PDB file of all heavy atoms in Angstrom:
ATOM      1  N   CYS A   1       0.863  -1.233  -0.026  1.00  0.00           N
ATOM      2  CA  CYS A   1      -0.032  -0.009  -0.068  1.00  0.00           C
ATOM      3  C   CYS A   1       0.801   1.277   0.027  1.00  0.00           C
ATOM      4  O   CYS A   1       0.346   2.409   0.188  1.00  0.00           O
ATOM      5  CB  CYS A   1      -0.867  -0.093   1.206  1.00  0.00           C
ATOM      6  SG  CYS A   1      -2.228  -1.280   1.044  1.00  0.00           S
ATOM      7  N   GLU A   2       2.120   1.128  -0.237  1.00  0.00           N
ATOM      8  CA  GLU A   2       3.178   2.217  -0.236  1.00  0.00           C
ATOM      9  C   GLU A   2       3.115   2.999   0.937  1.00  0.00           C
ATOM     10  O   GLU A   2       3.211   4.261   0.943  1.00  0.00           O
ATOM     11  CB  GLU A   2       2.874   3.107  -1.616  1.00  0.00           C
ATOM     12  CG  GLU A   2       3.018   2.295  -2.800  1.00  0.00           C
ATOM     13  CD  GLU A   2       2.676   3.064  -4.021  1.00  0.00           C
ATOM     14  OE1 GLU A   2       3.108   4.099  -4.123  1.00  0.00           O
ATOM     15  OE2 GLU A   2       1.996   2.471  -4.882  1.00  0.00           O
ATOM     16  N   GLY A   3       2.832   2.445   2.120  1.00  0.00           N
ATOM     17  CA  GLY A   3       2.792   3.156   3.354  1.00  0.00           C
ATOM     18  C   GLY A   3       1.534   4.070   3.588  1.00  0.00           C
ATOM     19  O   GLY A   3       1.524   4.930   4.513  1.00  0.00           O
ATOM     20  N   LYS A   4       0.580   3.967   2.780  1.00  0.00           N
ATOM     21  CA  LYS A   4      -0.581   4.813   2.803  1.00  0.00           C
ATOM     22  C   LYS A   4      -1.610   4.192   3.662  1.00  0.00           C
ATOM     23  O   LYS A   4      -2.266   3.181   3.352  1.00  0.00           O
ATOM     24  CB  LYS A   4      -1.130   5.070   1.418  1.00  0.00           C
ATOM     25  CG  LYS A   4      -0.185   5.930   0.590  1.00  0.00           C
ATOM     26  CD  LYS A   4      -0.769   6.315  -0.702  1.00  0.00           C
ATOM     27  CE  LYS A   4       0.223   7.289  -1.364  1.00  0.00           C
ATOM     28  NZ  LYS A   4       0.600   6.892  -2.661  1.00  0.00           N
ATOM     29  N   PHE A   5      -1.841   4.745   4.983  1.00  0.00           N
ATOM     30  CA  PHE A   5      -2.762   4.156   5.857  1.00  0.00           C
ATOM     31  C   PHE A   5      -4.225   4.251   5.282  1.00  0.00           C
ATOM     32  O   PHE A   5      -5.037   3.287   5.660  1.00  0.00           O
ATOM     33  CB  PHE A   5      -2.744   4.847   7.168  1.00  0.00           C
ATOM     34  CG  PHE A   5      -1.560   4.450   7.994  1.00  0.00           C
ATOM     35  CD1 PHE A   5      -1.047   5.348   8.997  1.00  0.00           C
ATOM     36  CD2 PHE A   5      -1.045   3.198   7.879  1.00  0.00           C
ATOM     37  CE1 PHE A   5       0.066   4.904   9.807  1.00  0.00           C
ATOM     38  CE2 PHE A   5      -0.011   2.844   8.731  1.00  0.00           C
ATOM     39  CZ  PHE A   5       0.610   3.627   9.714  1.00  0.00           C
ATOM     40  N   SER A   6      -4.516   5.135   4.465  1.00  0.00           N
ATOM     41  CA  SER A   6      -5.826   5.319   3.877  1.00  0.00           C
ATOM     42  C   SER A   6      -6.107   4.013   3.094  1.00  0.00           C
ATOM     43  O   SER A   6      -7.258   3.494   3.082  1.00  0.00           O
ATOM     44  CB  SER A   6      -6.101   6.508   2.970  1.00  0.00           C
ATOM     45  OG  SER A   6      -5.108   6.570   1.975  1.00  0.00           O
ATOM     46  N   ARG A   7      -5.186   3.425   2.316  1.00  0.00           N
ATOM     47  CA  ARG A   7      -5.505   2.264   1.493  1.00  0.00           C
ATOM     48  C   ARG A   7      -5.511   1.034   2.428  1.00  0.00           C
ATOM     49  O   ARG A   7      -6.276   0.102   2.177  1.00  0.00           O
ATOM     50  CB  ARG A   7      -4.291   2.084   0.540  1.00  0.00           C
ATOM     51  CG  ARG A   7      -4.423   3.151  -0.594  1.00  0.00           C
ATOM     52  CD  ARG A   7      -3.331   3.085  -1.683  1.00  0.00           C
ATOM     53  NE  ARG A   7      -2.979   1.813  -2.095  1.00  0.00           N
ATOM     54  CZ  ARG A   7      -1.892   1.443  -2.812  1.00  0.00           C
ATOM     55  NH1 ARG A   7      -1.091   2.290  -3.177  1.00  0.00           N
ATOM     56  NH2 ARG A   7      -1.623   0.237  -3.231  1.00  0.00           N
ATOM     57  N   MET A   8      -4.648   1.042   3.465  1.00  0.00           N
ATOM     58  CA  MET A   8      -4.690   0.004   4.452  1.00  0.00           C
ATOM     59  C   MET A   8      -5.793  -0.117   5.269  1.00  0.00           C
ATOM     60  O   MET A   8      -6.375  -1.259   5.494  1.00  0.00           O
ATOM     61  CB  MET A   8      -3.388   0.140   5.432  1.00  0.00           C
ATOM     62  CG  MET A   8      -2.081  -0.105   4.755  1.00  0.00           C
ATOM     63  SD  MET A   8      -0.703   0.068   5.921  1.00  0.00           S
ATOM     64  CE  MET A   8      -0.811  -1.482   6.800  1.00  0.00           C
ATOM     65  N   GLU A   9      -6.489   1.054   5.569  1.00  0.00           N
ATOM     66  CA  GLU A   9      -7.791   1.061   6.310  1.00  0.00           C
ATOM     67  C   GLU A   9      -8.856   0.307   5.498  1.00  0.00           C
ATOM     68  O   GLU A   9      -9.537  -0.484   5.969  1.00  0.00           O
ATOM     69  CB  GLU A   9      -8.239   2.457   6.565  1.00  0.00           C
ATOM     70  CG  GLU A   9      -7.494   3.166   7.639  1.00  0.00           C
ATOM     71  CD  GLU A   9      -7.887   4.673   7.832  1.00  0.00           C
ATOM     72  OE1 GLU A   9      -7.798   5.404   6.834  1.00  0.00           O
ATOM     73  OE2 GLU A   9      -8.302   5.043   8.885  1.00  0.00           O
ATOM     74  N   LYS A  10      -8.787   0.600   4.166  1.00  0.00           N
ATOM     75  CA  LYS A  10      -9.784  -0.082   3.164  1.00  0.00           C
ATOM     76  C   LYS A  10      -9.421  -1.541   3.091  1.00  0.00           C
ATOM     77  O   LYS A  10     -10.397  -2.384   3.168  1.00  0.00           O
ATOM     78  CB  LYS A  10      -9.780   0.615   1.948  1.00  0.00           C
ATOM     79  CG  LYS A  10     -10.296   2.151   1.885  1.00  0.00           C
ATOM     80  CD  LYS A  10     -10.147   2.739   0.564  1.00  0.00           C
ATOM     81  CE  LYS A  10     -10.437   3.993   0.537  1.00  0.00           C
ATOM     82  NZ  LYS A  10     -10.000   4.860  -0.648  1.00  0.00           N
ATOM     83  N   ASP A  11      -8.246  -1.939   2.863  1.00  0.00           N
ATOM     84  CA  ASP A  11      -7.836  -3.297   2.611  1.00  0.00           C
ATOM     85  C   ASP A  11      -8.066  -4.201   3.939  1.00  0.00           C
ATOM     86  O   ASP A  11      -8.654  -5.309   3.780  1.00  0.00           O
ATOM     87  CB  ASP A  11      -6.335  -3.517   2.295  1.00  0.00           C
ATOM     88  CG  ASP A  11      -6.096  -3.088   0.816  1.00  0.00           C
ATOM     89  OD1 ASP A  11      -7.032  -2.639   0.216  1.00  0.00           O
ATOM     90  OD2 ASP A  11      -4.939  -3.215   0.379  1.00  0.00           O
ATOM     91  N   LEU A  12      -7.721  -3.653   5.145  1.00  0.00           N
ATOM     92  CA  LEU A  12      -7.713  -4.351   6.282  1.00  0.00           C
ATOM     93  C   LEU A  12      -9.107  -4.270   7.152  1.00  0.00           C
ATOM     94  O   LEU A  12      -9.306  -5.057   8.023  1.00  0.00           O
ATOM     95  CB  LEU A  12      -6.628  -4.110   7.226  1.00  0.00           C
ATOM     96  CG  LEU A  12      -5.189  -4.585   6.609  1.00  0.00           C
ATOM     97  CD1 LEU A  12      -4.120  -4.055   7.401  1.00  0.00           C
ATOM     98  CD2 LEU A  12      -5.072  -6.049   6.349  1.00  0.00           C
ATOM     99  N   GLY A  13      -9.752  -3.087   6.827  1.00  0.00           N
ATOM    100  CA  GLY A  13     -10.951  -2.824   7.695  1.00  0.00           C
ATOM    101  C   GLY A  13     -10.614  -2.362   9.051  1.00  0.00           C
ATOM    102  O   GLY A  13     -11.389  -2.635   9.986  1.00  0.00           O
ATOM    103  N   LEU A  14      -9.375  -1.866   9.129  1.00  0.00           N
ATOM    104  CA  LEU A  14      -9.060  -1.319  10.573  1.00  0.00           C
ATOM    105  C   LEU A  14      -8.867   0.253  10.572  1.00  0.00           C
ATOM    106  O   LEU A  14      -8.741   0.792   9.525  1.00  0.00           O
ATOM    107  CB  LEU A  14      -7.580  -1.928  10.916  1.00  0.00           C
ATOM    108  CG  LEU A  14      -7.591  -3.473  10.924  1.00  0.00           C
ATOM    109  CD1 LEU A  14      -6.003  -3.935  11.026  1.00  0.00           C
ATOM    110  CD2 LEU A  14      -8.393  -3.843  12.094  1.00  0.00           C
ATOM    111  N   SER A  15      -9.045   0.818  11.729  1.00  0.00           N
ATOM    112  CA  SER A  15      -8.981   2.198  11.931  1.00  0.00           C
ATOM    113  C   SER A  15      -7.575   2.759  11.883  1.00  0.00           C
ATOM    114  O   SER A  15      -6.573   1.964  12.160  1.00  0.00           O
ATOM    115  CB  SER A  15      -9.716   2.691  13.213  1.00  0.00           C
ATOM    116  OG  SER A  15      -8.839   2.189  14.265  1.00  0.00           O
ATOM    117  N   TYR A  16      -7.484   4.018  11.583  1.00  0.00           N
ATOM    118  CA  TYR A  16      -6.107   4.659  11.559  1.00  0.00           C
ATOM    119  C   TYR A  16      -5.402   4.486  12.975  1.00  0.00           C
ATOM    120  O   TYR A  16      -4.236   3.992  12.942  1.00  0.00           O
ATOM    121  CB  TYR A  16      -6.241   6.179  11.224  1.00  0.00           C
ATOM    122  CG  TYR A  16      -4.960   6.918  11.250  1.00  0.00           C
ATOM    123  CD1 TYR A  16      -4.017   6.937  10.251  1.00  0.00           C
ATOM    124  CD2 TYR A  16      -4.571   7.613  12.426  1.00  0.00           C
ATOM    125  CE1 TYR A  16      -2.787   7.606  10.274  1.00  0.00           C
ATOM    126  CE2 TYR A  16      -3.259   8.301  12.543  1.00  0.00           C
ATOM    127  CZ  TYR A  16      -2.487   8.249  11.482  1.00  0.00           C
ATOM    128  OH  TYR A  16      -1.292   8.921  11.482  1.00  0.00           O
ATOM    129  N   PRO A  17      -5.947   4.704  14.063  1.00  0.00           N
ATOM    130  CA  PRO A  17      -5.282   4.474  15.352  1.00  0.00           C
ATOM    131  C   PRO A  17      -4.813   3.057  15.489  1.00  0.00           C
ATOM    132  O   PRO A  17      -3.724   2.814  16.085  1.00  0.00           O
ATOM    133  CB  PRO A  17      -6.351   4.808  16.372  1.00  0.00           C
ATOM    134  CG  PRO A  17      -7.314   5.750  15.709  1.00  0.00           C
ATOM    135  CD  PRO A  17      -7.351   5.272  14.268  1.00  0.00           C
ATOM    136  N   THR A  18      -5.602   2.007  15.111  1.00  0.00           N
ATOM    137  CA  THR A  18      -5.186   0.692  15.284  1.00  0.00           C
ATOM    138  C   THR A  18      -4.022   0.425  14.387  1.00  0.00           C
ATOM    139  O   THR A  18      -3.091  -0.257  14.799  1.00  0.00           O
ATOM    140  CB  THR A  18      -6.363  -0.284  14.837  1.00  0.00           C
ATOM    141  OG1 THR A  18      -7.428  -0.008  15.628  1.00  0.00           O
ATOM    142  CG2 THR A  18      -5.955  -1.685  14.790  1.00  0.00           C
ATOM    143  N   LEU A  19      -4.007   0.945  13.133  1.00  0.00           N
ATOM    144  CA  LEU A  19      -2.903   0.805  12.241  1.00  0.00           C
ATOM    145  C   LEU A  19      -1.515   1.406  12.852  1.00  0.00           C
ATOM    146  O   LEU A  19      -0.510   0.862  12.766  1.00  0.00           O
ATOM    147  CB  LEU A  19      -3.189   1.316  10.786  1.00  0.00           C
ATOM    148  CG  LEU A  19      -4.330   0.598  10.084  1.00  0.00           C
ATOM    149  CD1 LEU A  19      -4.536   1.374   8.750  1.00  0.00           C
ATOM    150  CD2 LEU A  19      -3.760  -0.836   9.664  1.00  0.00           C
ATOM    151  N   ARG A  20      -1.758   2.617  13.337  1.00  0.00           N
ATOM    152  CA  ARG A  20      -0.537   3.316  13.892  1.00  0.00           C
ATOM    153  C   ARG A  20      -0.077   2.553  15.124  1.00  0.00           C
ATOM    154  O   ARG A  20       1.123   2.372  15.296  1.00  0.00           O
ATOM    155  CB  ARG A  20      -0.943   4.685  14.394  1.00  0.00           C
ATOM    156  CG  ARG A  20      -1.210   5.774  13.354  1.00  0.00           C
ATOM    157  CD  ARG A  20       0.108   6.097  12.648  1.00  0.00           C
ATOM    158  NE  ARG A  20       1.228   6.637  13.487  1.00  0.00           N
ATOM    159  CZ  ARG A  20       2.429   6.691  13.088  1.00  0.00           C
ATOM    160  NH1 ARG A  20       2.814   6.444  11.916  1.00  0.00           N
ATOM    161  NH2 ARG A  20       3.373   7.094  13.999  1.00  0.00           N
ATOM    162  N   GLY A  21      -0.956   1.965  15.904  1.00  0.00           N
ATOM    163  CA  GLY A  21      -0.481   1.150  17.074  1.00  0.00           C
ATOM    164  C   GLY A  21       0.254   0.010  16.671  1.00  0.00           C
ATOM    165  O   GLY A  21       1.308  -0.415  17.231  1.00  0.00           O
ATOM    166  N   ARG A  22      -0.205  -0.716  15.580  1.00  0.00           N
ATOM    167  CA  ARG A  22       0.521  -1.940  15.114  1.00  0.00           C
ATOM    168  C   ARG A  22       1.691  -1.595  14.568  1.00  0.00           C
ATOM    169  O   ARG A  22       2.788  -2.303  14.753  1.00  0.00           O
ATOM    170  CB  ARG A  22      -0.338  -2.705  14.177  1.00  0.00           C
ATOM    171  CG  ARG A  22      -1.558  -3.366  14.775  1.00  0.00           C
ATOM    172  CD  ARG A  22      -2.293  -4.358  13.791  1.00  0.00           C
ATOM    173  NE  ARG A  22      -3.394  -4.865  14.559  1.00  0.00           N
ATOM    174  CZ  ARG A  22      -4.318  -5.684  13.995  1.00  0.00           C
ATOM    175  NH1 ARG A  22      -4.090  -5.988  12.759  1.00  0.00           N
ATOM    176  NH2 ARG A  22      -5.339  -5.955  14.658  1.00  0.00           N
ATOM    177  N   LEU A  23       1.906  -0.491  13.700  1.00  0.00           N
ATOM    178  CA  LEU A  23       3.157   0.015  13.281  1.00  0.00           C
ATOM    179  C   LEU A  23       4.128   0.295  14.414  1.00  0.00           C
ATOM    180  O   LEU A  23       5.361  -0.042  14.327  1.00  0.00           O
ATOM    181  CB  LEU A  23       3.035   1.207  12.250  1.00  0.00           C
ATOM    182  CG  LEU A  23       4.274   1.684  11.682  1.00  0.00           C
ATOM    183  CD1 LEU A  23       4.949   0.499  10.816  1.00  0.00           C
ATOM    184  CD2 LEU A  23       3.971   2.927  10.765  1.00  0.00           C
ATOM    185  N   GLY A  24       3.560   1.007  15.414  1.00  0.00           N
ATOM    186  CA  GLY A  24       4.522   1.302  16.549  1.00  0.00           C
ATOM    187  C   GLY A  24       5.086  -0.020  17.232  1.00  0.00           C
ATOM    188  O   GLY A  24       6.170   0.156  17.587  1.00  0.00           O
ATOM    189  N   GLU A  25       4.242  -0.992  17.333  1.00  0.00           N
ATOM    190  CA  GLU A  25       4.675  -2.338  17.906  1.00  0.00           C
ATOM    191  C   GLU A  25       5.807  -2.805  17.074  1.00  0.00           C
ATOM    192  O   GLU A  25       6.796  -3.427  17.609  1.00  0.00           O
ATOM    193  CB  GLU A  25       3.535  -3.264  18.077  1.00  0.00           C
ATOM    194  CG  GLU A  25       2.493  -2.972  19.040  1.00  0.00           C
ATOM    195  CD  GLU A  25       1.302  -3.886  18.997  1.00  0.00           C
ATOM    196  OE1 GLU A  25       1.335  -4.896  18.139  1.00  0.00           O
ATOM    197  OE2 GLU A  25       0.245  -3.595  19.447  1.00  0.00           O
ATOM    198  N   ILE A  26       5.628  -2.766  15.768  1.00  0.00           N
ATOM    199  CA  ILE A  26       6.660  -3.319  14.904  1.00  0.00           C
ATOM    200  C   ILE A  26       8.004  -2.541  15.019  1.00  0.00           C
ATOM    201  O   ILE A  26       9.006  -3.088  15.073  1.00  0.00           O
ATOM    202  CB  ILE A  26       6.107  -3.389  13.470  1.00  0.00           C
ATOM    203  CG1 ILE A  26       5.011  -4.470  13.400  1.00  0.00           C
ATOM    204  CG2 ILE A  26       7.307  -3.717  12.517  1.00  0.00           C
ATOM    205  CD1 ILE A  26       4.186  -4.383  12.093  1.00  0.00           C
ATOM    206  N   ILE A  27       7.798  -1.175  15.114  1.00  0.00           N
ATOM    207  CA  ILE A  27       9.010  -0.366  15.251  1.00  0.00           C
ATOM    208  C   ILE A  27       9.775  -0.756  16.430  1.00  0.00           C
ATOM    209  O   ILE A  27      11.024  -0.809  16.473  1.00  0.00           O
ATOM    210  CB  ILE A  27       8.535   1.133  15.123  1.00  0.00           C
ATOM    211  CG1 ILE A  27       8.064   1.479  13.709  1.00  0.00           C
ATOM    212  CG2 ILE A  27       9.794   2.127  15.563  1.00  0.00           C
ATOM    213  CD1 ILE A  27       7.456   2.826  13.659  1.00  0.00           C
ATOM    214  N   ARG A  28       9.102  -0.824  17.549  1.00  0.00           N
ATOM    215  CA  ARG A  28       9.668  -1.256  18.768  1.00  0.00           C
ATOM    216  C   ARG A  28      10.328  -2.616  18.650  1.00  0.00           C
ATOM    217  O   ARG A  28      11.438  -2.890  19.174  1.00  0.00           O
ATOM    218  CB  ARG A  28       8.698  -1.224  19.944  1.00  0.00           C
ATOM    219  CG  ARG A  28       8.477   0.293  20.449  1.00  0.00           C
ATOM    220  CD  ARG A  28       7.599   0.336  21.662  1.00  0.00           C
ATOM    221  NE  ARG A  28       6.186  -0.050  21.295  1.00  0.00           N
ATOM    222  CZ  ARG A  28       5.285   0.794  20.859  1.00  0.00           C
ATOM    223  NH1 ARG A  28       5.621   1.953  20.476  1.00  0.00           N
ATOM    224  NH2 ARG A  28       4.107   0.459  20.587  1.00  0.00           N
ATOM    225  N   GLN A  29       9.553  -3.537  18.104  1.00  0.00           N
ATOM    226  CA  GLN A  29      10.116  -4.920  17.992  1.00  0.00           C
ATOM    227  C   GLN A  29      11.483  -4.945  17.130  1.00  0.00           C
ATOM    228  O   GLN A  29      12.279  -5.837  17.412  1.00  0.00           O
ATOM    229  CB  GLN A  29       9.134  -5.819  17.267  1.00  0.00           C
ATOM    230  CG  GLN A  29       9.420  -7.288  17.245  1.00  0.00           C
ATOM    231  CD  GLN A  29       9.427  -7.959  18.608  1.00  0.00           C
ATOM    232  OE1 GLN A  29       8.570  -7.497  19.498  1.00  0.00           O
ATOM    233  NE2 GLN A  29      10.069  -9.066  18.836  1.00  0.00           N
ATOM    234  N   LEU A  30      11.565  -4.091  16.228  1.00  0.00           N
ATOM    235  CA  LEU A  30      12.828  -3.958  15.460  1.00  0.00           C
ATOM    236  C   LEU A  30      13.976  -3.229  16.181  1.00  0.00           C
ATOM    237  O   LEU A  30      15.014  -3.122  15.665  1.00  0.00           O
ATOM    238  CB  LEU A  30      12.552  -3.173  14.151  1.00  0.00           C
ATOM    239  CG  LEU A  30      11.618  -4.017  13.137  1.00  0.00           C
ATOM    240  CD1 LEU A  30      11.259  -3.074  11.887  1.00  0.00           C
ATOM    241  CD2 LEU A  30      12.210  -5.159  12.670  1.00  0.00           C
ATOM    242  N   GLY A  31      13.645  -2.737  17.525  1.00  0.00           N
ATOM    243  CA  GLY A  31      14.694  -2.073  18.172  1.00  0.00           C
ATOM    244  C   GLY A  31      14.700  -0.549  18.146  1.00  0.00           C
ATOM    245  O   GLY A  31      15.691  -0.020  18.484  1.00  0.00           O
ATOM    246  N   PHE A  32      13.662   0.035  17.460  1.00  0.00           N
ATOM    247  CA  PHE A  32      13.793   1.491  17.376  1.00  0.00           C
ATOM    248  C   PHE A  32      12.695   2.100  18.260  1.00  0.00           C
ATOM    249  O   PHE A  32      11.786   1.392  18.826  1.00  0.00           O
ATOM    250  CB  PHE A  32      13.404   1.891  15.878  1.00  0.00           C
ATOM    251  CG  PHE A  32      14.281   1.354  14.844  1.00  0.00           C
ATOM    252  CD1 PHE A  32      13.864   0.309  13.926  1.00  0.00           C
ATOM    253  CD2 PHE A  32      15.627   1.706  14.743  1.00  0.00           C
ATOM    254  CE1 PHE A  32      14.816  -0.199  13.047  1.00  0.00           C
ATOM    255  CE2 PHE A  32      16.440   1.171  13.833  1.00  0.00           C
ATOM    256  CZ  PHE A  32      16.054   0.181  12.910  1.00  0.00           C
ATOM    257  N   VAL A  33      12.795   3.364  18.418  1.00  0.00           N
ATOM    258  CA  VAL A  33      11.756   4.167  19.245  1.00  0.00           C
ATOM    259  C   VAL A  33      10.820   4.913  18.256  1.00  0.00           C
ATOM    260  O   VAL A  33      11.411   5.748  17.483  1.00  0.00           O
ATOM    261  CB  VAL A  33      12.496   5.235  20.122  1.00  0.00           C
ATOM    262  CG1 VAL A  33      11.426   5.935  20.995  1.00  0.00           C
ATOM    263  CG2 VAL A  33      13.449   4.375  21.192  1.00  0.00           C
TER     264      VAL A  33
END
């Protein structure tokens, strides 16, 4: 989705805050803040 949450919202049926939260978890899992 080229990092576009608007497209991901449509594809996954998830809200923007949920997508941001999941991305934040992944960023932390990779060792970043």
